[in-house]
Amino acid sequence: MFGYIQPDKAQLRLWEYEQYRAVYCGLCRSLGKHIGTLSRMTLNYDYVFLAMIRSALLGITPDIKPSRCAVHPTKKRAVAEDDKALEYSAKVSAMLAYYKIRDDIADSRGLKKLTKVAAEPICRVPLKRHAELKELGERVKEYLRELSVHEKNNCDSVDAVAELFGSVMSEIFSYGLEDETSVRIAREIGRHTGRYVYLADALDDIEKDIKHNTYNPFVCMYKDSVREKKDEIKTAVLLELKGLEAALALVDFSTCPGYKNIVENITYLGMSDKIDKIYEKLTK
């Protein structure tokens, strides 16, 4: 994921922010434990959202305790103890980082390419050492391969490419869940999350992609009038949040006190605010 799934921190109550940060710190530790210390460099806030949703769907009650770490050695901070949701989110974050690195290696040169090559073995760990993710890895790889073909062919159907990345996230959010209802809910959450992320990234990259003549579904669709269509594009991205909100309303957060408010903050405020900021940048 790309950093488009964050809370509006100013609107979180203090204890909610502490809880959110505790999950972030727990995810960082889980990466170090299950993947390796260097894998912590792949950490971003998007996977906190995944971990919180997985916790609720698995019925996990988070165990948050004060703890120190190498980054904050002088003062204890609230940290979520490792559990199935954090472990899964950590492994998935490294797996997706690996696929992104593979894609970047093909498209980059020089020092940037060498940096990606050096990072590749670290992020490949989940696919090599954790057999339980093998099937998920194959599904994700196939969707990303199909998405890559569409992009190389300059597909002008925004819906088609967004749906493929939505399918990637649908698999990720639902994989390994046993309860049928939870699987259906997770798939819908993943689908709309993936579509939102892909469309938000495309909106964010419009000017860059025009400048460098690289693929962007909105540019392919609207051609020279893409800048004039920015209002329509923004509306299309925000519509994905409506579907996401409807799916999240079905999640039972009873085992995760506080998570519901944080997740609602992310979806109702943080994600829409991110689109507003991207839109403002385009109108300058």
C-alpha atoms as a PDB file:
ATOM      1  CA  MET A   1       0.000   0.000   0.000  1.00  0.00           C
ATOM      2  CA  PHE A   2       1.038   3.596  -0.458  1.00  0.00           C
ATOM      3  CA  GLY A   3       0.390   5.698   2.638  1.00  0.00           C
ATOM      4  CA  TYR A   4      -3.167   6.768   1.836  1.00  0.00           C
ATOM      5  CA  ILE A   5      -4.786   5.109   4.865  1.00  0.00           C
ATOM      6  CA  GLN A   6      -4.089   7.233   7.910  1.00  0.00           C
ATOM      7  CA  PRO A   7      -6.171   8.757  10.700  1.00  0.00           C
ATOM      8  CA  ASP A   8      -6.906  12.407  11.216  1.00  0.00           C
ATOM      9  CA  LYS A   9      -4.763  12.553  14.336  1.00  0.00           C
ATOM     10  CA  ALA A  10      -6.085  15.943  15.413  1.00  0.00           C
ATOM     11  CA  GLN A  11      -9.581  14.446  15.701  1.00  0.00           C
ATOM     12  CA  LEU A  12      -8.515  11.431  17.771  1.00  0.00           C
ATOM     13  CA  ARG A  13      -8.877  11.573  21.521  1.00  0.00           C
ATOM     14  CA  LEU A  14      -5.591  11.170  23.403  1.00  0.00           C
ATOM     15  CA  TRP A  15      -6.268   7.589  24.478  1.00  0.00           C
ATOM     16  CA  GLU A  16      -7.345   6.680  20.932  1.00  0.00           C
ATOM     17  CA  TYR A  17      -4.131   8.067  19.502  1.00  0.00           C
ATOM     18  CA  GLU A  18      -2.133   6.132  22.123  1.00  0.00           C
ATOM     19  CA  GLN A  19      -3.967   2.956  21.145  1.00  0.00           C
ATOM     20  CA  TYR A  20      -3.385   3.568  17.438  1.00  0.00           C
ATOM     21  CA  ARG A  21       0.305   4.195  18.039  1.00  0.00           C
ATOM     22  CA  ALA A  22       0.476   1.046  20.189  1.00  0.00           C
ATOM     23  CA  VAL A  23      -0.698  -1.035  17.215  1.00  0.00           C
ATOM     24  CA  TYR A  24       1.829   0.722  14.961  1.00  0.00           C
ATOM     25  CA  CYS A  25       4.652  -0.033  17.417  1.00  0.00           C
ATOM     26  CA  GLY A  26       3.405  -3.607  17.803  1.00  0.00           C
ATOM     27  CA  LEU A  27       3.452  -4.026  14.039  1.00  0.00           C
ATOM     28  CA  CYS A  28       7.018  -2.741  13.940  1.00  0.00           C
ATOM     29  CA  ARG A  29       8.057  -5.319  16.524  1.00  0.00           C
ATOM     30  CA  SER A  30       6.186  -8.060  14.715  1.00  0.00           C
ATOM     31  CA  LEU A  31       8.078  -7.253  11.517  1.00  0.00           C
ATOM     32  CA  GLY A  32      11.368  -7.558  13.367  1.00  0.00           C
ATOM     33  CA  LYS A  33      10.322 -10.857  14.958  1.00  0.00           C
ATOM     34  CA  HIS A  34       8.848 -12.632  11.940  1.00  0.00           C
ATOM     35  CA  ILE A  35      10.729 -11.097   8.997  1.00  0.00           C
ATOM     36  CA  GLY A  36      13.907  -9.480  10.307  1.00  0.00           C
ATOM     37  CA  THR A  37      15.115  -6.195  11.773  1.00  0.00           C
ATOM     38  CA  LEU A  38      15.755  -4.523   8.424  1.00  0.00           C
ATOM     39  CA  SER A  39      12.192  -5.276   7.310  1.00  0.00           C
ATOM     40  CA  ARG A  40      10.990  -2.564   9.694  1.00  0.00           C
ATOM     41  CA  MET A  41      11.948  -0.082   6.996  1.00  0.00           C
ATOM     42  CA  THR A  42       8.896  -1.287   5.019  1.00  0.00           C
ATOM     43  CA  LEU A  43       6.518  -0.324   7.832  1.00  0.00           C
ATOM     44  CA  ASN A  44       3.779   2.179   7.061  1.00  0.00           C
ATOM     45  CA  TYR A  45       0.470   3.224   8.589  1.00  0.00           C
ATOM     46  CA  ASP A  46      -1.677   1.400   6.022  1.00  0.00           C
ATOM     47  CA  TYR A  47      -1.014  -1.929   7.697  1.00  0.00           C
ATOM     48  CA  VAL A  48      -2.206  -0.678  11.071  1.00  0.00           C
ATOM     49  CA  PHE A  49      -5.635  -0.452   9.449  1.00  0.00           C
ATOM     50  CA  LEU A  50      -5.312  -4.058   8.216  1.00  0.00           C
ATOM     51  CA  ALA A  51      -4.190  -5.266  11.651  1.00  0.00           C
ATOM     52  CA  MET A  52      -7.123  -3.585  13.394  1.00  0.00           C
ATOM     53  CA  ILE A  53      -9.683  -5.033  10.980  1.00  0.00           C
ATOM     54  CA  ARG A  54      -8.145  -8.517  11.253  1.00  0.00           C
ATOM     55  CA  SER A  55      -8.179  -8.290  15.062  1.00  0.00           C
ATOM     56  CA  ALA A  56     -11.905  -7.534  15.063  1.00  0.00           C
ATOM     57  CA  LEU A  57     -12.775 -10.226  12.515  1.00  0.00           C
ATOM     58  CA  LEU A  58     -10.709 -12.831  14.393  1.00  0.00           C
ATOM     59  CA  GLY A  59     -12.209 -11.802  17.733  1.00  0.00           C
ATOM     60  CA  ILE A  60      -8.818 -10.917  19.222  1.00  0.00           C
ATOM     61  CA  THR A  61      -8.607  -8.697  22.279  1.00  0.00           C
ATOM     62  CA  PRO A  62      -5.353  -6.699  21.940  1.00  0.00           C
ATOM     63  CA  ASP A  63      -2.878  -6.955  24.801  1.00  0.00           C
ATOM     64  CA  ILE A  64      -1.303  -3.502  25.139  1.00  0.00           C
ATOM     65  CA  LYS A  65       1.562  -3.026  27.587  1.00  0.00           C
ATOM     66  CA  PRO A  66       4.141  -0.301  28.320  1.00  0.00           C
ATOM     67  CA  SER A  67       7.497  -1.109  26.782  1.00  0.00           C
ATOM     68  CA  ARG A  68      10.783   0.416  25.625  1.00  0.00           C
ATOM     69  CA  CYS A  69      12.439  -0.004  22.240  1.00  0.00           C
ATOM     70  CA  ALA A  70      15.694   0.963  20.514  1.00  0.00           C
ATOM     71  CA  VAL A  71      14.052   4.016  18.929  1.00  0.00           C
ATOM     72  CA  HIS A  72      12.557   5.211  22.251  1.00  0.00           C
ATOM     73  CA  PRO A  73      14.886   3.781  24.933  1.00  0.00           C
ATOM     74  CA  THR A  74      14.367   6.361  27.682  1.00  0.00           C
ATOM     75  CA  LYS A  75      10.598   6.204  28.083  1.00  0.00           C
ATOM     76  CA  LYS A  76       8.144   3.337  28.001  1.00  0.00           C
ATOM     77  CA  ARG A  77       5.398   3.555  25.388  1.00  0.00           C
ATOM     78  CA  ALA A  78       2.214   1.560  24.932  1.00  0.00           C
ATOM     79  CA  VAL A  79       2.878  -1.357  22.567  1.00  0.00           C
ATOM     80  CA  ALA A  80       0.468  -4.035  21.337  1.00  0.00           C
ATOM     81  CA  GLU A  81       1.801  -7.509  22.054  1.00  0.00           C
ATOM     82  CA  ASP A  82       2.328  -9.774  19.049  1.00  0.00           C
ATOM     83  CA  ASP A  83      -0.767 -11.751  18.043  1.00  0.00           C
ATOM     84  CA  LYS A  84      -2.179 -13.428  14.924  1.00  0.00           C
ATOM     85  CA  ALA A  85      -3.473 -10.165  13.449  1.00  0.00           C
ATOM     86  CA  LEU A  86      -0.166  -8.319  13.864  1.00  0.00           C
ATOM     87  CA  GLU A  87       1.870 -11.289  12.650  1.00  0.00           C
ATOM     88  CA  TYR A  88      -0.270 -11.621   9.530  1.00  0.00           C
ATOM     89  CA  SER A  89      -0.167  -7.886   8.794  1.00  0.00           C
ATOM     90  CA  ALA A  90       3.618  -7.830   9.214  1.00  0.00           C
ATOM     91  CA  LYS A  91       4.118 -10.745   6.817  1.00  0.00           C
ATOM     92  CA  VAL A  92       1.723  -9.270   4.260  1.00  0.00           C
ATOM     93  CA  SER A  93       3.406  -5.858   4.399  1.00  0.00           C
ATOM     94  CA  ALA A  94       6.775  -7.461   3.617  1.00  0.00           C
ATOM     95  CA  MET A  95       5.231  -9.592   0.857  1.00  0.00           C
ATOM     96  CA  LEU A  96       3.652  -6.609  -0.892  1.00  0.00           C
ATOM     97  CA  ALA A  97       6.881  -4.643  -0.459  1.00  0.00           C
ATOM     98  CA  TYR A  98       8.669  -7.498  -2.242  1.00  0.00           C
ATOM     99  CA  TYR A  99       6.311  -7.388  -5.216  1.00  0.00           C
ATOM    100  CA  LYS A 100       6.616  -3.606  -5.408  1.00  0.00           C
ATOM    101  CA  ILE A 101      10.408  -3.854  -5.301  1.00  0.00           C
ATOM    102  CA  ARG A 102      10.337  -6.399  -8.126  1.00  0.00           C
ATOM    103  CA  ASP A 103       8.260  -3.962 -10.160  1.00  0.00           C
ATOM    104  CA  ASP A 104      10.571  -1.049  -9.320  1.00  0.00           C
ATOM    105  CA  ILE A 105      13.670  -3.043 -10.303  1.00  0.00           C
ATOM    106  CA  ALA A 106      12.230  -3.542 -13.775  1.00  0.00           C
ATOM    107  CA  ASP A 107      11.506   0.183 -14.126  1.00  0.00           C
ATOM    108  CA  SER A 108      14.575   1.795 -12.515  1.00  0.00           C
ATOM    109  CA  ARG A 109      18.273   2.238 -13.243  1.00  0.00           C
ATOM    110  CA  GLY A 110      21.551   3.068 -11.537  1.00  0.00           C
ATOM    111  CA  LEU A 111      21.785   3.600  -7.773  1.00  0.00           C
ATOM    112  CA  LYS A 112      18.029   3.422  -7.296  1.00  0.00           C
ATOM    113  CA  LYS A 113      17.974  -0.007  -8.929  1.00  0.00           C
ATOM    114  CA  LEU A 114      20.890  -1.238  -6.799  1.00  0.00           C
ATOM    115  CA  THR A 115      19.062  -0.105  -3.645  1.00  0.00           C
ATOM    116  CA  LYS A 116      15.969  -2.060  -4.660  1.00  0.00           C
ATOM    117  CA  VAL A 117      18.029  -5.144  -5.500  1.00  0.00           C
ATOM    118  CA  ALA A 118      19.638  -5.002  -2.044  1.00  0.00           C
ATOM    119  CA  ALA A 119      16.247  -4.779  -0.321  1.00  0.00           C
ATOM    120  CA  GLU A 120      14.632  -7.594  -2.324  1.00  0.00           C
ATOM    121  CA  PRO A 121      15.871 -10.586  -0.235  1.00  0.00           C
ATOM    122  CA  ILE A 122      14.631  -8.998   2.998  1.00  0.00           C
ATOM    123  CA  CYS A 123      11.071  -8.626   1.730  1.00  0.00           C
ATOM    124  CA  ARG A 124      11.037 -12.071   0.104  1.00  0.00           C
ATOM    125  CA  VAL A 125      11.166 -13.738   3.541  1.00  0.00           C
ATOM    126  CA  PRO A 126       7.379 -14.347   3.928  1.00  0.00           C
ATOM    127  CA  LEU A 127       7.227 -16.214   0.612  1.00  0.00           C
ATOM    128  CA  LYS A 128      10.318 -18.300   1.377  1.00  0.00           C
ATOM    129  CA  ARG A 129       9.889 -19.156   5.063  1.00  0.00           C
ATOM    130  CA  HIS A 130       6.170 -19.008   5.780  1.00  0.00           C
ATOM    131  CA  ALA A 131       4.391 -21.779   3.910  1.00  0.00           C
ATOM    132  CA  GLU A 132       0.966 -20.631   5.115  1.00  0.00           C
ATOM    133  CA  LEU A 133       1.257 -17.587   2.851  1.00  0.00           C
ATOM    134  CA  LYS A 134       2.222 -19.505  -0.287  1.00  0.00           C
ATOM    135  CA  GLU A 135      -1.327 -19.707  -1.666  1.00  0.00           C
ATOM    136  CA  LEU A 136      -2.000 -16.042  -0.892  1.00  0.00           C
ATOM    137  CA  GLY A 137       1.258 -15.087  -2.570  1.00  0.00           C
ATOM    138  CA  GLU A 138       0.258 -16.945  -5.737  1.00  0.00           C
ATOM    139  CA  ARG A 139      -3.161 -15.254  -5.850  1.00  0.00           C
ATOM    140  CA  VAL A 140      -1.693 -11.797  -5.292  1.00  0.00           C
ATOM    141  CA  LYS A 141       1.061 -12.421  -7.844  1.00  0.00           C
ATOM    142  CA  GLU A 142      -1.489 -13.390 -10.499  1.00  0.00           C
ATOM    143  CA  TYR A 143      -3.646 -10.292  -9.945  1.00  0.00           C
ATOM    144  CA  LEU A 144      -0.565  -8.043  -9.997  1.00  0.00           C
ATOM    145  CA  ARG A 145       0.662  -9.734 -13.178  1.00  0.00           C
ATOM    146  CA  GLU A 146      -2.685  -9.054 -14.846  1.00  0.00           C
ATOM    147  CA  LEU A 147      -2.635  -5.469 -13.576  1.00  0.00           C
ATOM    148  CA  SER A 148       0.864  -4.995 -14.997  1.00  0.00           C
ATOM    149  CA  VAL A 149      -0.322  -6.203 -18.418  1.00  0.00           C
ATOM    150  CA  HIS A 150      -3.207  -3.719 -18.353  1.00  0.00           C
ATOM    151  CA  GLU A 151      -0.861  -0.894 -17.405  1.00  0.00           C
ATOM    152  CA  LYS A 152       1.689  -1.754 -20.090  1.00  0.00           C
ATOM    153  CA  ASN A 153      -1.127  -1.780 -22.636  1.00  0.00           C
ATOM    154  CA  ASN A 154      -2.235   1.681 -21.475  1.00  0.00           C
ATOM    155  CA  CYS A 155      -5.658   0.459 -20.408  1.00  0.00           C
ATOM    156  CA  ASP A 156      -8.101   3.375 -20.472  1.00  0.00           C
ATOM    157  CA  SER A 157     -10.670   1.690 -18.216  1.00  0.00           C
ATOM    158  CA  VAL A 158     -10.151   3.141 -14.749  1.00  0.00           C
ATOM    159  CA  ASP A 159     -12.637   0.659 -13.321  1.00  0.00           C
ATOM    160  CA  ALA A 160     -10.797  -2.368 -14.754  1.00  0.00           C
ATOM    161  CA  VAL A 161      -7.396  -1.552 -13.256  1.00  0.00           C
ATOM    162  CA  ALA A 162      -8.852  -0.367  -9.943  1.00  0.00           C
ATOM    163  CA  GLU A 163     -10.844  -3.600  -9.661  1.00  0.00           C
ATOM    164  CA  LEU A 164      -7.700  -5.683 -10.105  1.00  0.00           C
ATOM    165  CA  PHE A 165      -5.969  -3.958  -7.211  1.00  0.00           C
ATOM    166  CA  GLY A 166      -9.233  -4.207  -5.288  1.00  0.00           C
ATOM    167  CA  SER A 167      -9.047  -7.970  -5.837  1.00  0.00           C
ATOM    168  CA  VAL A 168      -5.502  -8.013  -4.441  1.00  0.00           C
ATOM    169  CA  MET A 169      -6.632  -6.342  -1.233  1.00  0.00           C
ATOM    170  CA  SER A 170      -9.799  -8.457  -1.090  1.00  0.00           C
ATOM    171  CA  GLU A 171      -7.617 -11.570  -0.976  1.00  0.00           C
ATOM    172  CA  ILE A 172      -5.332 -10.045   1.641  1.00  0.00           C
ATOM    173  CA  PHE A 173      -8.049  -8.900   4.032  1.00  0.00           C
ATOM    174  CA  SER A 174      -9.960 -12.207   3.860  1.00  0.00           C
ATOM    175  CA  TYR A 175      -7.193 -14.812   3.564  1.00  0.00           C
ATOM    176  CA  GLY A 176      -7.134 -17.388   6.337  1.00  0.00           C
ATOM    177  CA  LEU A 177     -10.438 -16.398   7.916  1.00  0.00           C
ATOM    178  CA  GLU A 178     -12.699 -19.360   8.643  1.00  0.00           C
ATOM    179  CA  ASP A 179     -16.058 -17.786   9.430  1.00  0.00           C
ATOM    180  CA  GLU A 180     -18.058 -17.349   6.215  1.00  0.00           C
ATOM    181  CA  THR A 181     -19.618 -14.053   7.255  1.00  0.00           C
ATOM    182  CA  SER A 182     -16.240 -12.631   8.257  1.00  0.00           C
ATOM    183  CA  VAL A 183     -14.793 -13.679   4.892  1.00  0.00           C
ATOM    184  CA  ARG A 184     -17.550 -11.850   2.985  1.00  0.00           C
ATOM    185  CA  ILE A 185     -17.148  -8.704   5.083  1.00  0.00           C
ATOM    186  CA  ALA A 186     -13.353  -8.801   4.787  1.00  0.00           C
ATOM    187  CA  ARG A 187     -13.524  -9.222   1.020  1.00  0.00           C
ATOM    188  CA  GLU A 188     -15.740  -6.144   0.672  1.00  0.00           C
ATOM    189  CA  ILE A 189     -13.517  -4.084   2.965  1.00  0.00           C
ATOM    190  CA  GLY A 190     -10.450  -5.190   1.027  1.00  0.00           C
ATOM    191  CA  ARG A 191     -12.049  -4.542  -2.352  1.00  0.00           C
ATOM    192  CA  HIS A 192     -13.053  -0.967  -1.600  1.00  0.00           C
ATOM    193  CA  THR A 193      -9.785  -0.279   0.228  1.00  0.00           C
ATOM    194  CA  GLY A 194      -7.774  -1.502  -2.745  1.00  0.00           C
ATOM    195  CA  ARG A 195      -9.827   0.454  -5.262  1.00  0.00           C
ATOM    196  CA  TYR A 196      -9.508   3.603  -3.132  1.00  0.00           C
ATOM    197  CA  VAL A 197      -5.740   3.208  -2.787  1.00  0.00           C
ATOM    198  CA  TYR A 198      -5.222   2.625  -6.515  1.00  0.00           C
ATOM    199  CA  LEU A 199      -7.411   5.566  -7.532  1.00  0.00           C
ATOM    200  CA  ALA A 200      -5.923   7.867  -4.881  1.00  0.00           C
ATOM    201  CA  ASP A 201      -2.423   7.008  -6.095  1.00  0.00           C
ATOM    202  CA  ALA A 202      -3.436   7.661  -9.712  1.00  0.00           C
ATOM    203  CA  LEU A 203      -4.987  11.004  -8.765  1.00  0.00           C
ATOM    204  CA  ASP A 204      -1.852  11.929  -6.806  1.00  0.00           C
ATOM    205  CA  ASP A 205       0.415  11.060  -9.753  1.00  0.00           C
ATOM    206  CA  ILE A 206      -1.453  12.792 -12.579  1.00  0.00           C
ATOM    207  CA  GLU A 207       1.010  15.664 -13.029  1.00  0.00           C
ATOM    208  CA  LYS A 208       4.065  13.450 -12.572  1.00  0.00           C
ATOM    209  CA  ASP A 209       2.787  10.864 -15.031  1.00  0.00           C
ATOM    210  CA  ILE A 210       1.971  13.535 -17.615  1.00  0.00           C
ATOM    211  CA  LYS A 211       5.460  14.988 -17.241  1.00  0.00           C
ATOM    212  CA  HIS A 212       7.256  11.632 -17.534  1.00  0.00           C
ATOM    213  CA  ASN A 213       4.788  10.083 -20.002  1.00  0.00           C
ATOM    214  CA  THR A 214       4.125   7.127 -17.698  1.00  0.00           C
ATOM    215  CA  TYR A 215       0.912   5.174 -17.287  1.00  0.00           C
ATOM    216  CA  ASN A 216      -1.983   6.765 -15.459  1.00  0.00           C
ATOM    217  CA  PRO A 217      -5.550   5.457 -15.940  1.00  0.00           C
ATOM    218  CA  PHE A 218      -7.111   8.903 -15.624  1.00  0.00           C
ATOM    219  CA  VAL A 219      -4.766  10.376 -18.228  1.00  0.00           C
ATOM    220  CA  CYS A 220      -5.465   7.455 -20.586  1.00  0.00           C
ATOM    221  CA  MET A 221      -9.193   7.896 -20.111  1.00  0.00           C
ATOM    222  CA  TYR A 222      -9.481  11.678 -20.363  1.00  0.00           C
ATOM    223  CA  LYS A 223      -6.386  12.463 -22.471  1.00  0.00           C
ATOM    224  CA  ASP A 224      -5.725  16.224 -22.733  1.00  0.00           C
ATOM    225  CA  SER A 225      -8.837  17.118 -20.726  1.00  0.00           C
ATOM    226  CA  VAL A 226      -7.726  15.242 -17.598  1.00  0.00           C
ATOM    227  CA  ARG A 227      -7.035  18.452 -15.655  1.00  0.00           C
ATOM    228  CA  GLU A 228     -10.521  19.726 -16.444  1.00  0.00           C
ATOM    229  CA  LYS A 229     -11.993  16.481 -15.067  1.00  0.00           C
ATOM    230  CA  LYS A 230     -10.325  16.715 -11.655  1.00  0.00           C
ATOM    231  CA  ASP A 231     -13.648  17.326  -9.871  1.00  0.00           C
ATOM    232  CA  GLU A 232     -15.181  14.208 -11.408  1.00  0.00           C
ATOM    233  CA  ILE A 233     -12.068  12.195 -10.571  1.00  0.00           C
ATOM    234  CA  LYS A 234     -12.128  13.323  -6.954  1.00  0.00           C
ATOM    235  CA  THR A 235     -15.804  12.349  -6.678  1.00  0.00           C
ATOM    236  CA  ALA A 236     -15.063   8.888  -8.117  1.00  0.00           C
ATOM    237  CA  VAL A 237     -12.326   8.269  -5.547  1.00  0.00           C
ATOM    238  CA  LEU A 238     -14.480   9.423  -2.640  1.00  0.00           C
ATOM    239  CA  LEU A 239     -17.319   7.126  -3.774  1.00  0.00           C
ATOM    240  CA  GLU A 240     -15.125   4.143  -2.888  1.00  0.00           C
ATOM    241  CA  LEU A 241     -15.172   5.342   0.710  1.00  0.00           C
ATOM    242  CA  LYS A 242     -18.963   4.996   0.780  1.00  0.00           C
ATOM    243  CA  GLY A 243     -18.672   1.314  -0.079  1.00  0.00           C
ATOM    244  CA  LEU A 244     -15.913   0.895   2.482  1.00  0.00           C
ATOM    245  CA  GLU A 245     -17.967   2.582   5.197  1.00  0.00           C
ATOM    246  CA  ALA A 246     -20.933   0.291   4.471  1.00  0.00           C
ATOM    247  CA  ALA A 247     -18.753  -2.822   4.793  1.00  0.00           C
ATOM    248  CA  LEU A 248     -17.095  -1.600   7.997  1.00  0.00           C
ATOM    249  CA  ALA A 249     -20.532  -1.057   9.560  1.00  0.00           C
ATOM    250  CA  LEU A 250     -20.905  -4.864   9.563  1.00  0.00           C
ATOM    251  CA  VAL A 251     -17.755  -5.481  11.635  1.00  0.00           C
ATOM    252  CA  ASP A 252     -18.165  -6.468  15.281  1.00  0.00           C
ATOM    253  CA  PHE A 253     -15.512  -4.548  17.239  1.00  0.00           C
ATOM    254  CA  SER A 254     -16.695  -5.787  20.645  1.00  0.00           C
ATOM    255  CA  THR A 255     -13.434  -7.645  21.379  1.00  0.00           C
ATOM    256  CA  CYS A 256     -11.350  -4.599  20.434  1.00  0.00           C
ATOM    257  CA  PRO A 257     -12.421  -1.682  22.655  1.00  0.00           C
ATOM    258  CA  GLY A 258     -11.604   1.616  20.978  1.00  0.00           C
ATOM    259  CA  TYR A 259     -10.831   0.203  17.537  1.00  0.00           C
ATOM    260  CA  LYS A 260     -14.240   1.136  16.115  1.00  0.00           C
ATOM    261  CA  ASN A 261     -13.729   4.852  16.799  1.00  0.00           C
ATOM    262  CA  ILE A 262     -10.220   4.779  15.353  1.00  0.00           C
ATOM    263  CA  VAL A 263     -11.267   2.912  12.200  1.00  0.00           C
ATOM    264  CA  GLU A 264     -14.163   5.333  11.689  1.00  0.00           C
ATOM    265  CA  ASN A 265     -11.766   8.244  12.111  1.00  0.00           C
ATOM    266  CA  ILE A 266      -9.524   6.743   9.422  1.00  0.00           C
ATOM    267  CA  THR A 267     -12.327   6.154   6.922  1.00  0.00           C
ATOM    268  CA  TYR A 268     -14.594   9.155   7.559  1.00  0.00           C
ATOM    269  CA  LEU A 269     -11.881  11.745   8.169  1.00  0.00           C
ATOM    270  CA  GLY A 270      -8.326  10.617   7.419  1.00  0.00           C
ATOM    271  CA  MET A 271      -8.837   9.021   4.010  1.00  0.00           C
ATOM    272  CA  SER A 272     -11.139  11.751   2.685  1.00  0.00           C
ATOM    273  CA  ASP A 273      -8.766  14.418   4.013  1.00  0.00           C
ATOM    274  CA  LYS A 274      -5.956  12.762   2.077  1.00  0.00           C
ATOM    275  CA  ILE A 275      -7.955  13.121  -1.140  1.00  0.00           C
ATOM    276  CA  ASP A 276      -8.744  16.772  -0.338  1.00  0.00           C
ATOM    277  CA  LYS A 277      -5.022  17.505   0.048  1.00  0.00           C
ATOM    278  CA  ILE A 278      -4.194  15.774  -3.235  1.00  0.00           C
ATOM    279  CA  TYR A 279      -6.970  17.724  -4.956  1.00  0.00           C
ATOM    280  CA  GLU A 280      -5.688  21.029  -3.524  1.00  0.00           C
ATOM    281  CA  LYS A 281      -2.233  20.250  -4.889  1.00  0.00           C
ATOM    282  CA  LEU A 282      -3.712  19.667  -8.357  1.00  0.00           C
ATOM    283  CA  THR A 283      -5.587  22.984  -8.348  1.00  0.00           C
ATOM    284  CA  LYS A 284      -2.544  25.126  -7.514  1.00  0.00           C
END
